[in-house]
Amino acid sequence: MRKDWYKQQLENDSQITSQKAIASRISKANKVEKIIGSDLDVIVADDQRMAKAVQKIKDFGDYHGSIENALRKYYFYFNGKKFPGSR
């Protein structure tokens, strides 16, 4: 994950209004990398990898969806579009 780039994207997002929210998303993005065992840039660059990552996060027990949301937000910033599917 390009942490500084991701932080900048979050800071520029009008829907994210606090430093605490930014820190939380970065923390959850780090957790995605640990769960999946791969760099976020590699995951979001390929839709098949992304789909597998989303499923693995669900299988992990992301009951509130916050970890998946962090992954989907990174995908959005990286690709300029939302990843298809729920959420």
Protein backbone atom coordinates (compact mmCIF):
# COMPACT_ATOMS: atom_id res chain seq x y z
CA MET A 1 0.00 0.00 0.00
CA ARG A 2 1.17 3.47 -0.79
CA LYS A 3 0.31 4.84 2.64
CA ASP A 4 1.17 8.51 1.96
CA TRP A 5 -0.80 8.47 -1.30
CA TYR A 6 -3.79 6.80 0.40
CA LYS A 7 -3.70 9.31 3.24
CA GLN A 8 -3.69 12.17 0.72
CA GLN A 9 -6.67 10.66 -1.10
CA LEU A 10 -8.56 10.32 2.18
CA GLU A 11 -7.75 13.90 3.16
CA ASN A 12 -9.11 15.12 -0.18
CA ASP A 13 -12.34 13.12 0.21
CA SER A 14 -15.16 15.43 1.29
CA GLN A 15 -17.02 12.49 2.88
CA ILE A 16 -14.20 11.89 5.38
CA THR A 17 -14.18 14.69 7.89
CA SER A 18 -11.69 13.84 10.64
CA GLN A 19 -8.11 12.72 11.14
CA LYS A 20 -9.47 9.90 13.31
CA ALA A 21 -11.49 8.58 10.34
CA ILE A 22 -8.41 8.79 8.12
CA ALA A 23 -6.27 6.92 10.66
CA SER A 24 -8.98 4.28 11.04
CA ARG A 25 -9.18 3.65 7.27
CA ILE A 26 -5.39 3.38 7.02
CA SER A 27 -5.34 0.95 9.95
CA LYS A 28 -8.03 -1.18 8.34
CA ALA A 29 -6.20 -1.11 5.00
CA ASN A 30 -3.10 -2.43 6.79
CA LYS A 31 -5.29 -5.16 8.26
CA VAL A 32 -6.48 -6.09 4.75
CA GLU A 33 -2.87 -6.60 3.69
CA LYS A 34 -2.27 -8.86 6.70
CA ILE A 35 -5.43 -10.90 6.11
CA ILE A 36 -4.83 -11.29 2.37
CA GLY A 37 -1.04 -11.52 2.55
CA SER A 38 -0.55 -9.16 -0.38
CA ASP A 39 0.02 -5.48 -1.12
CA LEU A 40 -3.16 -3.49 -1.72
CA ASP A 41 -1.80 -2.11 -5.00
CA VAL A 42 -1.51 -5.66 -6.34
CA ILE A 43 -5.00 -6.59 -5.10
CA VAL A 44 -6.88 -3.60 -6.51
CA ALA A 45 -5.09 -3.68 -9.87
CA ASP A 46 -6.87 -6.93 -10.79
CA ASP A 47 -10.63 -7.46 -10.45
CA GLN A 48 -10.27 -11.22 -9.90
CA ARG A 49 -7.81 -10.65 -7.06
CA MET A 50 -10.11 -8.00 -5.67
CA ALA A 51 -13.11 -10.35 -5.72
CA LYS A 52 -11.09 -13.05 -3.95
CA ALA A 53 -9.90 -10.51 -1.38
CA VAL A 54 -13.46 -9.33 -0.68
CA GLN A 55 -14.56 -12.93 -0.15
CA LYS A 56 -11.58 -13.70 2.09
CA ILE A 57 -12.39 -10.65 4.24
CA LYS A 58 -16.01 -11.80 4.55
CA ASP A 59 -14.82 -15.29 5.50
CA PHE A 60 -12.49 -13.68 8.07
CA GLY A 61 -15.54 -12.34 9.89
CA ASP A 62 -15.78 -8.67 8.96
CA TYR A 63 -19.26 -8.47 10.49
CA HIS A 64 -19.66 -4.71 10.25
CA GLY A 65 -18.00 -4.39 6.84
CA SER A 66 -15.47 -1.78 7.92
CA ILE A 67 -12.45 -3.74 6.68
CA GLU A 68 -14.12 -4.42 3.35
CA ASN A 69 -15.05 -0.74 3.10
CA ALA A 70 -11.41 0.28 3.51
CA LEU A 71 -10.45 -2.09 0.68
CA ARG A 72 -13.25 -0.80 -1.55
CA LYS A 73 -12.23 2.82 -0.85
CA TYR A 74 -8.63 2.04 -1.86
CA TYR A 75 -9.94 0.36 -5.02
CA PHE A 76 -12.03 3.45 -5.81
CA TYR A 77 -9.09 5.83 -5.43
CA PHE A 78 -6.77 3.52 -7.40
CA ASN A 79 -9.16 2.76 -10.29
CA GLY A 80 -11.44 5.80 -10.31
CA LYS A 81 -14.54 3.60 -10.08
CA LYS A 82 -16.42 1.55 -7.50
CA PHE A 83 -15.84 -2.18 -7.36
CA PRO A 84 -19.04 -3.97 -8.41
CA GLY A 85 -20.97 -5.94 -5.85
CA SER A 86 -22.55 -5.34 -2.50
CA ARG A 87 -21.77 -2.38 -0.20
